[in-house]
Amino acid sequence: MSAPALRPPPDTAAPGAPPDPREPVIRLLRDLSSRPAGLSEREAGRRLGRYGPNSLVARTTRTWPRALARQFTQPLAVLLMLAAVLSVVAGTPQLA
């Protein structure tokens, strides 16, 4: 029995579908309303005004005590600590 033949990707992807790495570059440029040379100054200015700058929002820095405390408030960590406490209370500390 032979393996099924691979089909090429469909012409149109479903909305919200992840991008296909086999997508032809020309189609990506068309979908992004761009061209191989990039955007014109006018189009770049228009998109900057509409969408804002292409930058990440700076997050507050986390201190190491806060990061450590967050590790102990994860549900699985709480469950494991509770199981350890119950095993010590039950008299079987070797299971803790």
N, C-alpha and C. Protein backbone atom coordinates (compact mmCIF):
# COMPACT_ATOMS: atom_id res chain seq x y z
N MET A 1 0.85 -1.17 0.00
CA MET A 1 0.00 0.00 0.00
C MET A 1 0.90 1.23 0.00
N SER A 2 0.68 2.15 -0.90
CA SER A 2 1.52 3.35 -1.00
C SER A 2 0.96 4.47 -0.12
N ALA A 3 1.84 5.39 0.22
CA ALA A 3 1.44 6.54 1.04
C ALA A 3 0.58 7.47 0.21
N PRO A 4 -0.38 8.16 0.84
CA PRO A 4 -1.22 9.08 0.08
C PRO A 4 -0.38 10.22 -0.48
N ALA A 5 -0.77 10.69 -1.64
CA ALA A 5 -0.05 11.79 -2.29
C ALA A 5 -0.34 13.09 -1.56
N LEU A 6 0.68 13.91 -1.42
CA LEU A 6 0.50 15.21 -0.79
C LEU A 6 -0.12 16.16 -1.78
N ARG A 7 -1.11 16.90 -1.31
CA ARG A 7 -1.76 17.87 -2.17
C ARG A 7 -1.16 19.24 -1.93
N PRO A 8 -1.13 20.09 -2.94
CA PRO A 8 -0.64 21.45 -2.72
C PRO A 8 -1.61 22.20 -1.83
N PRO A 9 -1.15 23.24 -1.15
CA PRO A 9 -2.04 24.00 -0.28
C PRO A 9 -3.14 24.66 -1.09
N PRO A 10 -4.32 24.86 -0.48
CA PRO A 10 -5.41 25.50 -1.21
C PRO A 10 -5.05 26.94 -1.55
N ASP A 11 -5.75 27.48 -2.54
CA ASP A 11 -5.48 28.85 -2.98
C ASP A 11 -5.83 29.88 -1.91
N THR A 12 -6.86 29.63 -1.16
CA THR A 12 -7.26 30.59 -0.12
C THR A 12 -7.26 29.88 1.22
N ALA A 13 -6.66 30.51 2.19
CA ALA A 13 -6.61 29.94 3.54
C ALA A 13 -7.81 30.43 4.33
N ALA A 14 -8.20 29.65 5.31
CA ALA A 14 -9.31 30.05 6.17
C ALA A 14 -8.90 31.26 7.00
N PRO A 15 -9.82 32.15 7.27
CA PRO A 15 -9.47 33.32 8.09
C PRO A 15 -8.96 32.88 9.46
N GLY A 16 -7.88 33.47 9.90
CA GLY A 16 -7.30 33.13 11.20
C GLY A 16 -6.42 31.91 11.18
N ALA A 17 -6.26 31.27 10.03
CA ALA A 17 -5.40 30.09 9.94
C ALA A 17 -3.94 30.51 10.04
N PRO A 18 -3.08 29.65 10.60
CA PRO A 18 -1.66 30.01 10.69
C PRO A 18 -1.06 30.13 9.30
N PRO A 19 -0.05 30.96 9.14
CA PRO A 19 0.56 31.13 7.82
C PRO A 19 1.23 29.84 7.35
N ASP A 20 1.17 29.62 6.06
CA ASP A 20 1.77 28.43 5.46
C ASP A 20 3.18 28.78 4.99
N PRO A 21 4.22 28.09 5.48
CA PRO A 21 5.58 28.43 5.07
C PRO A 21 5.83 28.17 3.59
N ARG A 22 4.95 27.41 2.94
CA ARG A 22 5.11 27.15 1.51
C ARG A 22 4.43 28.21 0.65
N GLU A 23 3.86 29.22 1.31
CA GLU A 23 3.16 30.29 0.60
C GLU A 23 4.12 31.04 -0.31
N PRO A 24 3.78 31.25 -1.56
CA PRO A 24 4.66 32.01 -2.45
C PRO A 24 4.83 33.45 -1.96
N VAL A 25 6.04 33.95 -2.08
CA VAL A 25 6.35 35.30 -1.59
C VAL A 25 5.47 36.34 -2.27
N ILE A 26 5.23 36.16 -3.54
CA ILE A 26 4.43 37.16 -4.26
C ILE A 26 3.02 37.24 -3.69
N ARG A 27 2.47 36.12 -3.24
CA ARG A 27 1.13 36.13 -2.64
C ARG A 27 1.18 36.83 -1.28
N LEU A 28 2.23 36.60 -0.51
CA LEU A 28 2.36 37.28 0.78
C LEU A 28 2.45 38.79 0.59
N LEU A 29 3.25 39.20 -0.38
CA LEU A 29 3.37 40.63 -0.65
C LEU A 29 2.03 41.21 -1.08
N ARG A 30 1.28 40.48 -1.89
CA ARG A 30 -0.03 40.93 -2.31
C ARG A 30 -0.97 41.07 -1.11
N ASP A 31 -0.99 40.06 -0.23
CA ASP A 31 -1.86 40.10 0.94
C ASP A 31 -1.50 41.22 1.90
N LEU A 32 -0.22 41.57 1.95
CA LEU A 32 0.23 42.65 2.84
C LEU A 32 0.24 44.01 2.15
N SER A 33 -0.22 44.04 0.92
CA SER A 33 -0.21 45.27 0.12
C SER A 33 1.18 45.89 0.10
N SER A 34 2.16 45.08 -0.21
CA SER A 34 3.54 45.53 -0.25
C SER A 34 4.14 45.14 -1.60
N ARG A 35 5.44 45.34 -1.73
CA ARG A 35 6.16 44.97 -2.95
C ARG A 35 7.58 44.58 -2.56
N PRO A 36 8.32 43.94 -3.43
CA PRO A 36 9.67 43.48 -3.07
C PRO A 36 10.58 44.61 -2.60
N ALA A 37 10.41 45.81 -3.12
CA ALA A 37 11.27 46.93 -2.72
C ALA A 37 10.84 47.55 -1.39
N GLY A 38 9.70 47.13 -0.86
CA GLY A 38 9.20 47.68 0.40
C GLY A 38 8.09 48.68 0.15
N LEU A 39 7.67 49.34 1.21
CA LEU A 39 6.60 50.33 1.11
C LEU A 39 7.15 51.66 0.64
N SER A 40 6.30 52.42 -0.02
CA SER A 40 6.69 53.79 -0.38
C SER A 40 6.66 54.65 0.87
N GLU A 41 7.31 55.79 0.83
CA GLU A 41 7.31 56.70 1.99
C GLU A 41 5.89 57.09 2.36
N ARG A 42 5.09 57.34 1.36
CA ARG A 42 3.70 57.75 1.61
C ARG A 42 2.92 56.64 2.30
N GLU A 43 3.04 55.41 1.78
CA GLU A 43 2.32 54.28 2.36
C GLU A 43 2.83 53.97 3.77
N ALA A 44 4.14 54.07 3.98
CA ALA A 44 4.71 53.83 5.31
C ALA A 44 4.17 54.86 6.30
N GLY A 45 4.09 56.12 5.86
CA GLY A 45 3.55 57.16 6.73
C GLY A 45 2.08 56.94 7.03
N ARG A 46 1.32 56.50 6.04
CA ARG A 46 -0.10 56.23 6.25
C ARG A 46 -0.29 55.10 7.25
N ARG A 47 0.48 54.02 7.10
CA ARG A 47 0.36 52.89 8.02
C ARG A 47 0.85 53.25 9.42
N LEU A 48 1.86 54.10 9.49
CA LEU A 48 2.34 54.55 10.80
C LEU A 48 1.24 55.32 11.51
N GLY A 49 0.55 56.18 10.78
CA GLY A 49 -0.55 56.93 11.38
C GLY A 49 -1.72 56.06 11.77
N ARG A 50 -1.99 55.03 10.97
CA ARG A 50 -3.14 54.17 11.23
C ARG A 50 -2.87 53.14 12.32
N TYR A 51 -1.71 52.47 12.26
CA TYR A 51 -1.42 51.36 13.17
C TYR A 51 -0.44 51.73 14.27
N GLY A 52 0.24 52.85 14.16
CA GLY A 52 1.23 53.24 15.16
C GLY A 52 2.59 52.66 14.86
N PRO A 53 3.57 52.99 15.68
CA PRO A 53 4.93 52.50 15.44
C PRO A 53 5.03 50.99 15.68
N ASN A 54 5.94 50.38 14.98
CA ASN A 54 6.18 48.95 15.11
C ASN A 54 7.17 48.73 16.25
N SER A 55 6.66 48.82 17.46
CA SER A 55 7.53 48.66 18.63
C SER A 55 6.78 47.90 19.71
N LEU A 56 7.53 47.25 20.56
CA LEU A 56 6.95 46.51 21.67
C LEU A 56 6.75 47.45 22.85
N VAL A 57 5.70 47.19 23.60
CA VAL A 57 5.42 47.96 24.79
C VAL A 57 6.34 47.45 25.90
N ALA A 58 7.03 48.37 26.54
CA ALA A 58 7.95 47.98 27.61
C ALA A 58 7.15 47.47 28.80
N ARG A 59 7.49 46.29 29.26
CA ARG A 59 6.82 45.72 30.43
C ARG A 59 7.58 46.12 31.68
N THR A 60 6.89 46.10 32.77
CA THR A 60 7.57 46.41 34.03
C THR A 60 8.55 45.29 34.32
N THR A 61 9.67 45.65 34.88
CA THR A 61 10.67 44.63 35.21
C THR A 61 10.22 43.87 36.45
N ARG A 62 10.48 42.60 36.43
CA ARG A 62 10.11 41.76 37.57
C ARG A 62 11.34 41.56 38.43
N THR A 63 11.15 41.70 39.70
CA THR A 63 12.25 41.45 40.62
C THR A 63 12.31 39.95 40.90
N TRP A 64 13.47 39.49 41.30
CA TRP A 64 13.61 38.05 41.50
C TRP A 64 12.73 37.53 42.64
N PRO A 65 12.48 38.29 43.73
CA PRO A 65 11.57 37.74 44.75
C PRO A 65 10.15 37.53 44.22
N ARG A 66 9.70 38.47 43.38
CA ARG A 66 8.35 38.33 42.82
C ARG A 66 8.30 37.14 41.86
N ALA A 67 9.34 36.96 41.07
CA ALA A 67 9.38 35.82 40.14
C ALA A 67 9.40 34.50 40.92
N LEU A 68 10.14 34.45 42.02
CA LEU A 68 10.18 33.25 42.85
C LEU A 68 8.83 32.97 43.47
N ALA A 69 8.17 34.01 43.97
CA ALA A 69 6.84 33.83 44.57
C ALA A 69 5.84 33.33 43.54
N ARG A 70 5.94 33.80 42.31
CA ARG A 70 5.02 33.35 41.27
C ARG A 70 5.19 31.86 40.98
N GLN A 71 6.42 31.35 41.13
CA GLN A 71 6.65 29.92 40.89
C GLN A 71 5.89 29.06 41.88
N PHE A 72 5.73 29.54 43.10
CA PHE A 72 5.05 28.76 44.13
C PHE A 72 3.54 28.95 44.13
N THR A 73 3.02 29.80 43.27
CA THR A 73 1.57 29.98 43.19
C THR A 73 0.98 29.31 41.96
N GLN A 74 1.79 28.58 41.21
CA GLN A 74 1.29 27.84 40.07
C GLN A 74 0.46 26.66 40.59
N PRO A 75 -0.63 26.30 39.92
CA PRO A 75 -1.51 25.23 40.42
C PRO A 75 -0.80 23.90 40.67
N LEU A 76 0.08 23.48 39.77
CA LEU A 76 0.76 22.20 39.97
C LEU A 76 1.70 22.26 41.17
N ALA A 77 2.38 23.38 41.36
CA ALA A 77 3.28 23.53 42.50
C ALA A 77 2.48 23.49 43.81
N VAL A 78 1.33 24.14 43.83
CA VAL A 78 0.48 24.13 45.02
C VAL A 78 0.00 22.71 45.30
N LEU A 79 -0.39 21.99 44.28
CA LEU A 79 -0.85 20.61 44.44
C LEU A 79 0.27 19.72 44.99
N LEU A 80 1.49 19.87 44.48
CA LEU A 80 2.60 19.05 44.97
C LEU A 80 2.95 19.40 46.41
N MET A 81 2.91 20.68 46.76
CA MET A 81 3.19 21.07 48.16
C MET A 81 2.11 20.52 49.09
N LEU A 82 0.85 20.58 48.66
CA LEU A 82 -0.24 20.04 49.47
C LEU A 82 -0.08 18.54 49.66
N ALA A 83 0.32 17.82 48.60
CA ALA A 83 0.54 16.37 48.72
C ALA A 83 1.68 16.08 49.67
N ALA A 84 2.74 16.90 49.64
CA ALA A 84 3.86 16.68 50.56
C ALA A 84 3.44 16.92 51.99
N VAL A 85 2.67 17.96 52.24
CA VAL A 85 2.21 18.25 53.60
C VAL A 85 1.31 17.12 54.09
N LEU A 86 0.40 16.65 53.25
CA LEU A 86 -0.50 15.56 53.64
C LEU A 86 0.28 14.28 53.93
N SER A 87 1.32 14.00 53.20
CA SER A 87 2.07 12.79 53.45
C SER A 87 2.85 12.87 54.76
N VAL A 88 3.33 14.07 55.10
CA VAL A 88 4.02 14.24 56.40
C VAL A 88 3.01 14.12 57.53
N VAL A 89 1.84 14.70 57.38
CA VAL A 89 0.79 14.62 58.41
C VAL A 89 0.32 13.17 58.58
N ALA A 90 0.26 12.43 57.50
CA ALA A 90 -0.18 11.03 57.56
C ALA A 90 0.88 10.10 58.11
N GLY A 91 2.08 10.61 58.35
CA GLY A 91 3.11 9.78 58.94
C GLY A 91 3.95 9.04 57.93
N THR A 92 3.93 9.44 56.69
CA THR A 92 4.74 8.80 55.66
C THR A 92 5.61 9.85 54.98
N PRO A 93 6.59 10.41 55.71
CA PRO A 93 7.40 11.46 55.13
C PRO A 93 8.27 10.99 53.97
N GLN A 94 8.53 9.68 53.85
CA GLN A 94 9.34 9.20 52.74
C GLN A 94 8.59 9.39 51.40
N LEU A 95 7.28 9.55 51.44
CA LEU A 95 6.52 9.81 50.22
C LEU A 95 6.51 11.31 49.88
N ALA A 96 6.86 12.13 50.83
CA ALA A 96 6.87 13.57 50.59
C ALA A 96 8.05 13.87 49.74
